[in-house]
Protein backbone atom coordinates (compact mmCIF):
# COMPACT_ATOMS: atom_id res chain seq x y z
CA MET A 1 0.12 3.84 -18.55
CA GLU A 2 -2.68 6.31 -17.95
CA THR A 3 -3.96 6.89 -14.42
CA LEU A 4 -7.32 5.24 -15.00
CA ASP A 5 -5.60 2.21 -16.53
CA ALA A 6 -3.40 1.84 -13.46
CA ILE A 7 -6.48 2.08 -11.21
CA ARG A 8 -8.25 -0.62 -13.23
CA LYS A 9 -5.19 -2.90 -13.39
CA ARG A 10 -4.03 -2.65 -9.79
CA CYS A 11 -4.77 -5.72 -7.73
CA SER A 12 -3.15 -7.54 -4.84
CA LEU A 13 -1.51 -10.76 -5.98
CA LYS A 14 0.55 -11.90 -3.03
CA ASN A 15 0.93 -15.41 -4.47
CA HIS A 16 2.74 -14.16 -7.55
CA LEU A 17 5.81 -12.34 -6.21
CA SER A 18 9.20 -12.84 -7.79
CA ASP A 19 12.41 -12.52 -5.79
CA ARG A 20 13.91 -10.50 -8.66
CA PRO A 21 15.47 -7.34 -7.19
CA VAL A 22 13.64 -4.05 -7.67
CA GLU A 23 15.90 -1.45 -9.23
CA PRO A 24 16.75 1.51 -6.96
CA GLU A 25 15.25 3.97 -9.46
CA LYS A 26 11.90 2.15 -9.41
CA LEU A 27 11.90 1.97 -5.62
CA ARG A 28 12.69 5.67 -5.52
CA ALA A 29 9.92 6.40 -8.05
CA VAL A 30 7.21 4.68 -5.99
CA LEU A 31 8.39 6.42 -2.82
CA GLN A 32 8.43 9.78 -4.65
CA ALA A 33 4.90 9.12 -5.90
CA ALA A 34 3.82 8.50 -2.30
CA CYS A 35 5.42 11.76 -1.21
CA LEU A 36 3.48 13.67 -3.86
CA ALA A 37 0.18 12.83 -2.17
CA PRO A 38 -1.87 15.68 -0.73
CA SER A 39 -2.20 15.97 3.03
CA ALA A 40 -4.11 18.13 5.50
CA ARG A 41 -2.33 21.50 5.74
CA ASN A 42 0.50 19.93 3.71
CA LEU A 43 1.89 18.36 6.89
CA GLN A 44 2.96 15.14 5.10
CA PRO A 45 2.90 12.87 8.18
CA TRP A 46 4.10 9.71 6.39
CA ARG A 47 7.42 7.96 6.89
CA PHE A 48 8.64 4.87 5.02
CA VAL A 49 10.96 2.18 6.30
CA VAL A 50 12.27 0.17 3.35
CA VAL A 51 13.38 -3.34 4.21
CA GLN A 52 15.53 -5.00 1.54
CA GLY A 53 17.50 -8.18 1.22
CA LYS A 54 16.36 -11.76 1.60
CA GLU A 55 17.47 -12.21 5.22
CA ALA A 56 16.08 -8.88 6.40
CA VAL A 57 12.74 -9.46 4.68
CA GLN A 58 12.42 -13.03 5.98
CA SER A 59 13.28 -12.00 9.54
CA LEU A 60 10.75 -9.18 9.47
CA VAL A 61 8.01 -11.35 8.01
CA ASP A 62 8.67 -14.22 10.42
CA ALA A 63 8.65 -11.95 13.46
CA ALA A 64 5.88 -9.49 12.72
CA ILE A 65 3.61 -10.20 9.73
CA PHE A 66 0.43 -12.27 10.05
CA GLY A 67 -1.69 -13.77 7.30
CA PRO A 68 0.07 -13.85 3.93
CA SER A 69 3.54 -14.06 5.47
CA THR A 70 4.50 -17.28 3.77
CA VAL A 71 4.00 -15.85 0.31
CA ILE A 72 5.46 -12.37 0.84
CA ARG A 73 8.63 -13.82 2.37
CA GLN A 74 10.16 -14.00 -1.13
CA ALA A 75 9.58 -10.31 -1.93
CA PRO A 76 12.83 -8.39 -2.38
CA VAL A 77 11.39 -5.28 -0.69
CA ILE A 78 8.94 -4.65 2.14
CA ILE A 79 7.77 -1.07 2.70
CA VAL A 80 6.59 -0.27 6.22
CA VAL A 81 4.48 2.89 6.25
CA CYS A 82 4.42 4.87 9.49
CA ALA A 83 3.11 8.18 10.79
CA ARG A 84 3.20 10.15 14.00
CA PRO A 85 -0.37 11.19 14.86
CA GLY A 86 0.92 14.45 16.36
CA ASP A 87 2.39 15.44 12.99
CA ASP A 88 -1.06 15.97 11.53
CA VAL A 89 -4.32 17.65 12.42
CA THR A 90 -7.29 16.29 14.32
CA ILE A 91 -10.56 18.00 13.45
CA ASP A 92 -13.89 17.07 15.02
CA GLY A 93 -12.30 13.93 16.48
CA LYS A 94 -11.00 12.77 13.08
CA GLU A 95 -7.30 11.98 12.98
CA TYR A 96 -6.21 13.02 9.52
CA TYR A 97 -2.89 11.20 9.59
CA LEU A 98 -4.69 7.97 8.68
CA PHE A 99 -6.43 9.59 5.71
CA ASP A 100 -3.24 11.33 4.61
CA VAL A 101 -1.21 8.13 4.82
CA GLY A 102 -3.95 6.37 2.85
CA LEU A 103 -3.53 8.91 0.05
CA ALA A 104 0.22 8.38 0.03
CA VAL A 105 -0.16 4.60 -0.02
CA GLU A 106 -2.61 4.74 -2.93
CA ASN A 107 -0.10 6.84 -4.89
CA LEU A 108 2.58 4.25 -4.08
CA LEU A 109 0.35 1.35 -5.19
CA LEU A 110 -0.62 3.01 -8.47
CA ALA A 111 2.97 4.01 -9.25
CA ALA A 112 4.07 0.43 -8.61
CA THR A 113 1.37 -0.86 -10.96
CA ASP A 114 2.45 1.64 -13.59
CA LEU A 115 6.04 0.39 -13.29
CA GLY A 116 5.06 -3.27 -13.60
CA LEU A 117 5.48 -4.07 -9.91
CA VAL A 118 3.18 -5.95 -7.55
CA THR A 119 2.04 -4.78 -4.11
CA HIS A 120 -0.26 -6.19 -1.43
CA PRO A 121 -1.23 -3.81 1.39
CA ILE A 122 -1.22 -5.66 4.72
CA ALA A 123 -2.75 -4.39 7.95
CA SER A 124 -2.33 -7.66 9.86
CA PHE A 125 0.96 -7.31 11.70
CA ASN A 126 2.48 -7.12 15.16
CA GLU A 127 3.12 -3.40 15.49
CA ALA A 128 5.27 -3.72 18.62
CA ALA A 129 7.52 -6.28 16.93
CA LEU A 130 7.86 -4.13 13.80
CA LYS A 131 8.73 -1.08 15.88
CA ARG A 132 11.30 -3.03 17.89
CA LEU A 133 12.94 -4.70 14.87
CA LEU A 134 13.09 -1.52 12.80
CA HIS A 135 13.86 0.88 15.67
CA ILE A 136 10.74 2.94 14.94
CA PRO A 137 10.27 5.60 17.65
CA ALA A 138 7.48 4.97 20.16
CA GLU A 139 5.45 8.02 19.10
CA PHE A 140 5.04 6.68 15.55
CA ARG A 141 2.33 4.24 14.46
CA VAL A 142 2.82 1.58 11.83
CA VAL A 143 -0.15 2.05 9.51
CA ILE A 144 0.37 -0.43 6.67
CA VAL A 145 2.97 -2.79 5.24
CA THR A 146 3.36 -3.83 1.60
CA PRO A 147 5.72 -6.02 -0.34
CA LEU A 148 7.11 -4.49 -3.52
CA ALA A 149 8.13 -7.01 -6.15
CA TYR A 150 8.06 -7.96 -9.76
CA PRO A 151 5.34 -10.42 -10.67
CA LEU A 152 6.31 -14.05 -10.91
CA GLU A 153 7.10 -14.93 -14.52
CA GLY A 154 4.57 -16.99 -16.42
CA SER A 155 1.38 -17.14 -14.41
CA TYR A 156 1.02 -13.51 -13.40
CA ASP A 157 -0.95 -12.17 -16.38
CA GLU A 158 -3.45 -15.01 -16.15
CA ALA A 159 -3.72 -14.70 -12.36
CA ALA A 160 -4.19 -10.93 -12.56
CA ALA A 161 -6.85 -11.28 -15.24
CA GLU A 162 -8.71 -13.87 -13.14
CA ARG A 163 -8.44 -11.75 -9.99
CA LEU A 164 -9.77 -8.71 -11.83
CA ARG A 165 -12.64 -10.76 -13.29
CA GLN A 166 -13.56 -11.93 -9.79
CA ARG A 167 -13.29 -8.46 -8.28
CA THR A 168 -16.68 -7.01 -7.56
CA ARG A 169 -17.55 -3.41 -7.00
CA ARG A 170 -20.86 -1.93 -6.01
CA ASP A 171 -22.76 -0.16 -8.72
CA LEU A 172 -22.67 3.63 -8.54
CA LYS A 173 -26.43 3.59 -7.92
CA GLU A 174 -25.69 1.92 -4.57
CA VAL A 175 -23.00 4.31 -3.39
CA ALA A 176 -23.47 7.70 -5.05
CA TYR A 177 -26.06 10.28 -4.06
CA PHE A 178 -26.69 13.63 -5.66
CA ASN A 179 -27.63 16.74 -3.68
CA ARG A 180 -28.93 14.67 -0.75
CA TRP A 181 -28.92 11.11 0.52
CA GLU A 182 -32.12 9.93 -1.13
CA GLU A 183 -31.37 11.15 -4.63
CA ARG A 184 -29.68 8.51 -6.80
CA GLU A 185 -29.47 10.26 -10.14
CA PRO A 186 -27.81 13.60 -10.92
CA ALA A 187 -30.18 16.52 -11.27
């Protein structure tokens, strides 16, 4: 799959997760893709806690995930993405660890799409419970959580197509400026 194809095809389909195990080499590939992301001063502040196994996933979801917990409970893998703010730079009040982790997560999501896997980034969780359950050190922040799974056989292609048809994006004329804020078209 080409990069632009993966960007166009990636969508969150939490209702279509199979409990089929994810092969170690595919898990490793998505984590490696995340680690290849750029970061401020190459500090690479991200850390990944991989939760695997039905009981471990269900316990984690029941104790700490809000929102789509009922549907991600069947995922064979949950990836908890963390960072220590002090491991990155802060410039002009901007904490770059959040941006850097975002780049790593996008690499992970696109690699998963390329490998035929489904993800669903989740920011609605009980951070204290996650840290306690996974023994994450106090100085680290949990930034995002995502299931990693194969799509559910049968309905996935249709569901993905429908989700992508429904997905709206602003037109470039609404979000892109050239040379200064008021100019909408390139010079």
